[in-house]
């Protein structure tokens, strides 16, 4: 999931899964809630990789379009592409 690290040939990388804002490796309603709280200013996303994962439509901005993208994914109407 988002935030997991892997080391390859001595270099460490942090995984980012678009839509997985809470880092559990699954895109679900918990991710929607985390992004909603961020947009409302209740609980701001802290790290760059979490912010990147919350940008589900990969347009460089975290907004309601990302919530819609995740909702459509959960309803199996569209996919989240890298």
PDB file of N, CA and C in Angstrom:
ATOM      1  N   UNK A   1       0.811  -1.191   0.000  1.00  0.00           N
ATOM      2  CA  UNK A   1       0.000   0.000   0.000  1.00  0.00           C
ATOM      3  C   UNK A   1       0.855   1.255   0.000  1.00  0.00           C
ATOM      4  N   UNK A   2       0.216   2.366  -0.106  1.00  0.00           N
ATOM      5  CA  UNK A   2       0.895   3.655  -0.085  1.00  0.00           C
ATOM      6  C   UNK A   2       1.702   3.805   1.194  1.00  0.00           C
ATOM      7  N   UNK A   3       2.939   4.229   1.033  1.00  0.00           N
ATOM      8  CA  UNK A   3       3.823   4.436   2.176  1.00  0.00           C
ATOM      9  C   UNK A   3       4.763   3.285   2.452  1.00  0.00           C
ATOM     10  N   UNK A   4       4.498   2.142   1.849  1.00  0.00           N
ATOM     11  CA  UNK A   4       5.385   0.986   2.010  1.00  0.00           C
ATOM     12  C   UNK A   4       6.695   1.287   1.293  1.00  0.00           C
ATOM     13  N   UNK A   5       7.776   0.772   1.816  1.00  0.00           N
ATOM     14  CA  UNK A   5       9.072   1.012   1.182  1.00  0.00           C
ATOM     15  C   UNK A   5       9.669  -0.300   0.691  1.00  0.00           C
ATOM     16  N   UNK A   6      10.455  -0.175  -0.354  1.00  0.00           N
ATOM     17  CA  UNK A   6      11.177  -1.302  -0.903  1.00  0.00           C
ATOM     18  C   UNK A   6      12.572  -0.814  -1.257  1.00  0.00           C
ATOM     19  N   UNK A   7      13.562  -1.644  -0.994  1.00  0.00           N
ATOM     20  CA  UNK A   7      14.941  -1.287  -1.311  1.00  0.00           C
ATOM     21  C   UNK A   7      15.433  -2.193  -2.427  1.00  0.00           C
ATOM     22  N   UNK A   8      15.907  -1.560  -3.494  1.00  0.00           N
ATOM     23  CA  UNK A   8      16.434  -2.273  -4.651  1.00  0.00           C
ATOM     24  C   UNK A   8      17.829  -1.746  -4.933  1.00  0.00           C
ATOM     25  N   UNK A   9      18.793  -2.656  -4.890  1.00  0.00           N
ATOM     26  CA  UNK A   9      20.193  -2.310  -5.136  1.00  0.00           C
ATOM     27  C   UNK A   9      20.644  -1.108  -4.299  1.00  0.00           C
ATOM     28  N   UNK A  10      20.262  -1.117  -3.039  1.00  0.00           N
ATOM     29  CA  UNK A  10      20.687  -0.088  -2.102  1.00  0.00           C
ATOM     30  C   UNK A  10      19.903   1.210  -2.151  1.00  0.00           C
ATOM     31  N   UNK A  11      18.939   1.315  -3.037  1.00  0.00           N
ATOM     32  CA  UNK A  11      18.134   2.531  -3.138  1.00  0.00           C
ATOM     33  C   UNK A  11      16.722   2.222  -2.641  1.00  0.00           C
ATOM     34  N   UNK A  12      16.188   3.075  -1.768  1.00  0.00           N
ATOM     35  CA  UNK A  12      14.876   2.867  -1.173  1.00  0.00           C
ATOM     36  C   UNK A  12      13.820   3.703  -1.891  1.00  0.00           C
ATOM     37  N   UNK A  13      12.700   3.043  -2.197  1.00  0.00           N
ATOM     38  CA  UNK A  13      11.579   3.690  -2.875  1.00  0.00           C
ATOM     39  C   UNK A  13      10.340   3.591  -1.995  1.00  0.00           C
ATOM     40  N   UNK A  14       9.483   4.602  -2.063  1.00  0.00           N
ATOM     41  CA  UNK A  14       8.219   4.590  -1.332  1.00  0.00           C
ATOM     42  C   UNK A  14       7.091   4.382  -2.328  1.00  0.00           C
ATOM     43  N   UNK A  15       6.247   3.390  -2.056  1.00  0.00           N
ATOM     44  CA  UNK A  15       5.129   3.062  -2.949  1.00  0.00           C
ATOM     45  C   UNK A  15       4.006   4.082  -2.828  1.00  0.00           C
ATOM     46  N   UNK A  16       3.399   4.378  -3.968  1.00  0.00           N
ATOM     47  CA  UNK A  16       2.222   5.244  -4.017  1.00  0.00           C
ATOM     48  C   UNK A  16       1.186   4.557  -4.890  1.00  0.00           C
ATOM     49  N   UNK A  17       0.033   4.255  -4.311  1.00  0.00           N
ATOM     50  CA  UNK A  17      -1.078   3.674  -5.064  1.00  0.00           C
ATOM     51  C   UNK A  17      -2.158   4.734  -5.143  1.00  0.00           C
ATOM     52  N   UNK A  18      -2.414   5.231  -6.348  1.00  0.00           N
ATOM     53  CA  UNK A  18      -3.406   6.285  -6.504  1.00  0.00           C
ATOM     54  C   UNK A  18      -4.747   5.839  -5.940  1.00  0.00           C
ATOM     55  N   UNK A  19      -5.335   6.680  -5.091  1.00  0.00           N
ATOM     56  CA  UNK A  19      -6.615   6.378  -4.453  1.00  0.00           C
ATOM     57  C   UNK A  19      -6.482   5.798  -3.060  1.00  0.00           C
ATOM     58  N   UNK A  20      -5.321   5.252  -2.729  1.00  0.00           N
ATOM     59  CA  UNK A  20      -5.093   4.624  -1.417  1.00  0.00           C
ATOM     60  C   UNK A  20      -4.536   5.664  -0.437  1.00  0.00           C
ATOM     61  N   UNK A  21      -5.377   6.591  -0.038  1.00  0.00           N
ATOM     62  CA  UNK A  21      -4.937   7.719   0.793  1.00  0.00           C
ATOM     63  C   UNK A  21      -4.617   7.337   2.235  1.00  0.00           C
ATOM     64  N   UNK A  22      -5.118   6.205   2.709  1.00  0.00           N
ATOM     65  CA  UNK A  22      -4.828   5.827   4.095  1.00  0.00           C
ATOM     66  C   UNK A  22      -3.729   4.771   4.206  1.00  0.00           C
ATOM     67  N   UNK A  23      -3.200   4.320   3.072  1.00  0.00           N
ATOM     68  CA  UNK A  23      -2.033   3.449   3.085  1.00  0.00           C
ATOM     69  C   UNK A  23      -2.255   2.003   3.459  1.00  0.00           C
ATOM     70  N   UNK A  24      -3.497   1.534   3.380  1.00  0.00           N
ATOM     71  CA  UNK A  24      -3.750   0.133   3.744  1.00  0.00           C
ATOM     72  C   UNK A  24      -3.686  -0.815   2.540  1.00  0.00           C
ATOM     73  N   UNK A  25      -3.413  -0.255   1.363  1.00  0.00           N
ATOM     74  CA  UNK A  25      -3.279  -1.078   0.169  1.00  0.00           C
ATOM     75  C   UNK A  25      -4.584  -1.356  -0.557  1.00  0.00           C
ATOM     76  N   UNK A  26      -5.698  -0.883   0.001  1.00  0.00           N
ATOM     77  CA  UNK A  26      -7.020  -1.105  -0.581  1.00  0.00           C
ATOM     78  C   UNK A  26      -7.679   0.255  -0.818  1.00  0.00           C
ATOM     79  N   UNK A  27      -8.326   0.408  -1.959  1.00  0.00           N
ATOM     80  CA  UNK A  27      -9.080   1.636  -2.216  1.00  0.00           C
ATOM     81  C   UNK A  27     -10.514   1.376  -1.779  1.00  0.00           C
ATOM     82  N   UNK A  28     -10.947   2.128  -0.755  1.00  0.00           N
ATOM     83  CA  UNK A  28     -12.306   1.928  -0.235  1.00  0.00           C
ATOM     84  C   UNK A  28     -12.832   3.235   0.365  1.00  0.00           C
ATOM     85  N   UNK A  29     -13.951   3.160   1.074  1.00  0.00           N
ATOM     86  CA  UNK A  29     -14.585   4.354   1.633  1.00  0.00           C
ATOM     87  C   UNK A  29     -13.712   5.049   2.676  1.00  0.00           C
ATOM     88  N   UNK A  30     -12.801   4.333   3.297  1.00  0.00           N
ATOM     89  CA  UNK A  30     -11.888   4.957   4.268  1.00  0.00           C
ATOM     90  C   UNK A  30     -10.991   5.987   3.573  1.00  0.00           C
ATOM     91  N   UNK A  31     -10.633   5.706   2.328  1.00  0.00           N
ATOM     92  CA  UNK A  31      -9.828   6.655   1.562  1.00  0.00           C
ATOM     93  C   UNK A  31     -10.648   7.900   1.218  1.00  0.00           C
ATOM     94  N   UNK A  32     -11.919   7.689   0.870  1.00  0.00           N
ATOM     95  CA  UNK A  32     -12.813   8.822   0.616  1.00  0.00           C
ATOM     96  C   UNK A  32     -12.895   9.727   1.846  1.00  0.00           C
ATOM     97  N   UNK A  33     -13.078   9.114   3.002  1.00  0.00           N
ATOM     98  CA  UNK A  33     -13.196   9.869   4.245  1.00  0.00           C
ATOM     99  C   UNK A  33     -11.919  10.656   4.535  1.00  0.00           C
ATOM    100  N   UNK A  34     -10.779  10.049   4.329  1.00  0.00           N
ATOM    101  CA  UNK A  34      -9.499  10.727   4.597  1.00  0.00           C
ATOM    102  C   UNK A  34      -9.342  11.956   3.698  1.00  0.00           C
ATOM    103  N   UNK A  35      -9.707  11.822   2.427  1.00  0.00           N
ATOM    104  CA  UNK A  35      -9.599  12.949   1.499  1.00  0.00           C
ATOM    105  C   UNK A  35     -10.635  14.012   1.842  1.00  0.00           C
ATOM    106  N   UNK A  36     -11.845  13.616   2.191  1.00  0.00           N
ATOM    107  CA  UNK A  36     -12.878  14.579   2.588  1.00  0.00           C
ATOM    108  C   UNK A  36     -12.410  15.407   3.783  1.00  0.00           C
ATOM    109  N   UNK A  37     -11.840  14.750   4.781  1.00  0.00           N
ATOM    110  CA  UNK A  37     -11.345  15.462   5.965  1.00  0.00           C
ATOM    111  C   UNK A  37     -10.233  16.438   5.589  1.00  0.00           C
ATOM    112  N   UNK A  38      -9.385  16.036   4.648  1.00  0.00           N
ATOM    113  CA  UNK A  38      -8.322  16.926   4.170  1.00  0.00           C
ATOM    114  C   UNK A  38      -8.930  18.158   3.494  1.00  0.00           C
ATOM    115  N   UNK A  39      -9.909  17.940   2.626  1.00  0.00           N
ATOM    116  CA  UNK A  39     -10.527  19.060   1.913  1.00  0.00           C
ATOM    117  C   UNK A  39     -11.259  20.014   2.856  1.00  0.00           C
ATOM    118  N   UNK A  40     -11.812  19.465   3.931  1.00  0.00           N
ATOM    119  CA  UNK A  40     -12.507  20.290   4.922  1.00  0.00           C
ATOM    120  C   UNK A  40     -11.555  20.950   5.917  1.00  0.00           C
ATOM    121  N   UNK A  41     -10.278  20.565   5.877  1.00  0.00           N
ATOM    122  CA  UNK A  41      -9.289  21.120   6.793  1.00  0.00           C
ATOM    123  C   UNK A  41      -9.322  20.511   8.175  1.00  0.00           C
ATOM    124  N   UNK A  42     -10.022  19.397   8.336  1.00  0.00           N
ATOM    125  CA  UNK A  42     -10.143  18.730   9.629  1.00  0.00           C
ATOM    126  C   UNK A  42      -8.889  17.922   9.941  1.00  0.00           C
ATOM    127  N   UNK A  43      -8.363  17.226   8.944  1.00  0.00           N
ATOM    128  CA  UNK A  43      -7.164  16.397   9.114  1.00  0.00           C
ATOM    129  C   UNK A  43      -6.351  16.497   7.820  1.00  0.00           C
ATOM    130  N   UNK A  44      -5.351  17.336   7.833  1.00  0.00           N
ATOM    131  CA  UNK A  44      -4.549  17.598   6.641  1.00  0.00           C
ATOM    132  C   UNK A  44      -3.626  16.417   6.350  1.00  0.00           C
ATOM    133  N   UNK A  45      -3.529  16.053   5.077  1.00  0.00           N
ATOM    134  CA  UNK A  45      -2.613  14.991   4.655  1.00  0.00           C
ATOM    135  C   UNK A  45      -1.185  15.465   4.878  1.00  0.00           C
ATOM    136  N   UNK A  46      -0.357  14.630   5.484  1.00  0.00           N
ATOM    137  CA  UNK A  46       0.945  15.068   5.953  1.00  0.00           C
ATOM    138  C   UNK A  46       2.097  14.860   4.970  1.00  0.00           C
ATOM    139  N   UNK A  47       2.234  13.684   4.443  1.00  0.00           N
ATOM    140  CA  UNK A  47       3.436  13.376   3.666  1.00  0.00           C
ATOM    141  C   UNK A  47       3.183  13.513   2.170  1.00  0.00           C
ATOM    142  N   UNK A  48       4.266  13.713   1.418  1.00  0.00           N
ATOM    143  CA  UNK A  48       4.156  13.880  -0.026  1.00  0.00           C
ATOM    144  C   UNK A  48       3.567  12.654  -0.695  1.00  0.00           C
ATOM    145  N   UNK A  49       3.960  11.454  -0.239  1.00  0.00           N
ATOM    146  CA  UNK A  49       3.447  10.252  -0.894  1.00  0.00           C
ATOM    147  C   UNK A  49       1.970  10.031  -0.608  1.00  0.00           C
ATOM    148  N   UNK A  50       1.484  10.450   0.561  1.00  0.00           N
ATOM    149  CA  UNK A  50       0.048  10.349   0.864  1.00  0.00           C
ATOM    150  C   UNK A  50      -0.721  11.370   0.028  1.00  0.00           C
ATOM    151  N   UNK A  51      -0.163  12.559  -0.112  1.00  0.00           N
ATOM    152  CA  UNK A  51      -0.798  13.579  -0.955  1.00  0.00           C
ATOM    153  C   UNK A  51      -0.868  13.099  -2.400  1.00  0.00           C
ATOM    154  N   UNK A  52       0.188  12.454  -2.875  1.00  0.00           N
ATOM    155  CA  UNK A  52       0.211  11.929  -4.240  1.00  0.00           C
ATOM    156  C   UNK A  52      -0.855  10.849  -4.409  1.00  0.00           C
ATOM    157  N   UNK A  53      -1.011   9.988  -3.419  1.00  0.00           N
ATOM    158  CA  UNK A  53      -2.005   8.917  -3.517  1.00  0.00           C
ATOM    159  C   UNK A  53      -3.431   9.469  -3.473  1.00  0.00           C
ATOM    160  N   UNK A  54      -3.644  10.566  -2.755  1.00  0.00           N
ATOM    161  CA  UNK A  54      -4.970  11.178  -2.663  1.00  0.00           C
ATOM    162  C   UNK A  54      -5.383  11.844  -3.974  1.00  0.00           C
ATOM    163  N   UNK A  55      -4.414  12.161  -4.810  1.00  0.00           N
ATOM    164  CA  UNK A  55      -4.684  12.751  -6.124  1.00  0.00           C
ATOM    165  C   UNK A  55      -5.047  11.636  -7.102  1.00  0.00           C
ATOM    166  N   UNK A  56      -6.208  11.047  -6.910  1.00  0.00           N
ATOM    167  CA  UNK A  56      -6.622   9.841  -7.634  1.00  0.00           C
ATOM    168  C   UNK A  56      -6.716  10.029  -9.142  1.00  0.00           C
ATOM    169  N   UNK A  57      -7.002  11.241  -9.588  1.00  0.00           N
ATOM    170  CA  UNK A  57      -7.078  11.467 -11.033  1.00  0.00           C
ATOM    171  C   UNK A  57      -5.758  11.978 -11.609  1.00  0.00           C
ATOM    172  N   UNK A  58      -4.753  12.098 -10.743  1.00  0.00           N
ATOM    173  CA  UNK A  58      -3.378  12.410 -11.149  1.00  0.00           C
ATOM    174  C   UNK A  58      -3.264  13.717 -11.937  1.00  0.00           C
ATOM    175  N   UNK A  59      -4.002  14.751 -11.484  1.00  0.00           N
ATOM    176  CA  UNK A  59      -3.935  16.043 -12.161  1.00  0.00           C
ATOM    177  C   UNK A  59      -3.101  17.065 -11.392  1.00  0.00           C
ATOM    178  N   UNK A  60      -2.502  16.637 -10.273  1.00  0.00           N
ATOM    179  CA  UNK A  60      -1.638  17.523  -9.499  1.00  0.00           C
ATOM    180  C   UNK A  60      -2.337  18.310  -8.407  1.00  0.00           C
ATOM    181  N   UNK A  61      -3.654  18.121  -8.267  1.00  0.00           N
ATOM    182  CA  UNK A  61      -4.438  18.857  -7.270  1.00  0.00           C
ATOM    183  C   UNK A  61      -5.340  17.869  -6.530  1.00  0.00           C
ATOM    184  N   UNK A  62      -5.451  18.040  -5.214  1.00  0.00           N
ATOM    185  CA  UNK A  62      -6.377  17.214  -4.436  1.00  0.00           C
ATOM    186  C   UNK A  62      -7.662  18.019  -4.279  1.00  0.00           C
ATOM    187  N   UNK A  63      -8.754  17.508  -4.870  1.00  0.00           N
ATOM    188  CA  UNK A  63     -10.026  18.223  -4.807  1.00  0.00           C
ATOM    189  C   UNK A  63     -11.185  17.233  -4.950  1.00  0.00           C
ATOM    190  N   UNK A  64     -12.382  17.763  -5.141  1.00  0.00           N
ATOM    191  CA  UNK A  64     -13.566  16.909  -5.224  1.00  0.00           C
ATOM    192  C   UNK A  64     -13.530  15.972  -6.427  1.00  0.00           C
ATOM    193  N   UNK A  65     -12.773  16.316  -7.451  1.00  0.00           N
ATOM    194  CA  UNK A  65     -12.644  15.428  -8.615  1.00  0.00           C
ATOM    195  C   UNK A  65     -11.988  14.103  -8.216  1.00  0.00           C
ATOM    196  N   UNK A  66     -11.104  14.146  -7.243  1.00  0.00           N
ATOM    197  CA  UNK A  66     -10.467  12.922  -6.749  1.00  0.00           C
ATOM    198  C   UNK A  66     -11.475  12.066  -5.986  1.00  0.00           C
ATOM    199  N   UNK A  67     -12.337  12.709  -5.217  1.00  0.00           N
ATOM    200  CA  UNK A  67     -13.399  11.978  -4.526  1.00  0.00           C
ATOM    201  C   UNK A  67     -14.302  11.286  -5.538  1.00  0.00           C
ATOM    202  N   UNK A  68     -14.664  12.008  -6.590  1.00  0.00           N
ATOM    203  CA  UNK A  68     -15.519  11.439  -7.627  1.00  0.00           C
ATOM    204  C   UNK A  68     -14.835  10.265  -8.321  1.00  0.00           C
ATOM    205  N   UNK A  69     -13.554  10.392  -8.579  1.00  0.00           N
ATOM    206  CA  UNK A  69     -12.801   9.320  -9.237  1.00  0.00           C
ATOM    207  C   UNK A  69     -12.832   8.046  -8.389  1.00  0.00           C
ATOM    208  N   UNK A  70     -12.633   8.194  -7.077  1.00  0.00           N
ATOM    209  CA  UNK A  70     -12.648   7.037  -6.183  1.00  0.00           C
ATOM    210  C   UNK A  70     -14.060   6.456  -6.082  1.00  0.00           C
ATOM    211  N   UNK A  71     -15.074   7.322  -6.008  1.00  0.00           N
ATOM    212  CA  UNK A  71     -16.452   6.841  -5.955  1.00  0.00           C
ATOM    213  C   UNK A  71     -16.787   6.019  -7.203  1.00  0.00           C
ATOM    214  N   UNK A  72     -16.391   6.511  -8.370  1.00  0.00           N
ATOM    215  CA  UNK A  72     -16.635   5.778  -9.611  1.00  0.00           C
ATOM    216  C   UNK A  72     -15.884   4.450  -9.624  1.00  0.00           C
ATOM    217  N   UNK A  73     -14.683   4.454  -9.065  1.00  0.00           N
ATOM    218  CA  UNK A  73     -13.909   3.212  -8.966  1.00  0.00           C
ATOM    219  C   UNK A  73     -14.634   2.198  -8.077  1.00  0.00           C
ATOM    220  N   UNK A  74     -15.123   2.664  -6.933  1.00  0.00           N
ATOM    221  CA  UNK A  74     -15.819   1.772  -6.002  1.00  0.00           C
ATOM    222  C   UNK A  74     -17.119   1.232  -6.588  1.00  0.00           C
ATOM    223  N   UNK A  75     -17.761   2.021  -7.439  1.00  0.00           N
ATOM    224  CA  UNK A  75     -19.000   1.595  -8.094  1.00  0.00           C
ATOM    225  C   UNK A  75     -18.709   0.783  -9.357  1.00  0.00           C
ATOM    226  N   UNK A  76     -17.427   0.594  -9.648  1.00  0.00           N
ATOM    227  CA  UNK A  76     -16.978  -0.167 -10.825  1.00  0.00           C
ATOM    228  C   UNK A  76     -17.432   0.476 -12.142  1.00  0.00           C
ATOM    229  N   UNK A  77     -17.510   1.822 -12.118  1.00  0.00           N
ATOM    230  CA  UNK A  77     -17.877   2.573 -13.311  1.00  0.00           C
ATOM    231  C   UNK A  77     -16.636   2.960 -14.099  1.00  0.00           C
ATOM    232  N   UNK A  78     -15.531   3.214 -13.398  1.00  0.00           N
ATOM    233  CA  UNK A  78     -14.271   3.556 -14.051  1.00  0.00           C
ATOM    234  C   UNK A  78     -13.121   3.006 -13.242  1.00  0.00           C
ATOM    235  N   UNK A  79     -11.930   3.111 -13.801  1.00  0.00           N
ATOM    236  CA  UNK A  79     -10.731   2.608 -13.142  1.00  0.00           C
ATOM    237  C   UNK A  79      -9.836   3.775 -12.746  1.00  0.00           C
ATOM    238  N   UNK A  80      -8.924   3.542 -11.841  1.00  0.00           N
ATOM    239  CA  UNK A  80      -7.922   4.535 -11.478  1.00  0.00           C
ATOM    240  C   UNK A  80      -6.638   4.110 -12.160  1.00  0.00           C
ATOM    241  N   UNK A  81      -6.176   4.947 -13.082  1.00  0.00           N
ATOM    242  CA  UNK A  81      -5.002   4.612 -13.867  1.00  0.00           C
ATOM    243  C   UNK A  81      -3.795   5.429 -13.439  1.00  0.00           C
ATOM    244  N   UNK A  82      -2.641   4.834 -13.578  1.00  0.00           N
ATOM    245  CA  UNK A  82      -1.386   5.491 -13.201  1.00  0.00           C
ATOM    246  C   UNK A  82      -1.019   6.530 -14.221  1.00  0.00           C
TER     247      UNK A  82
END
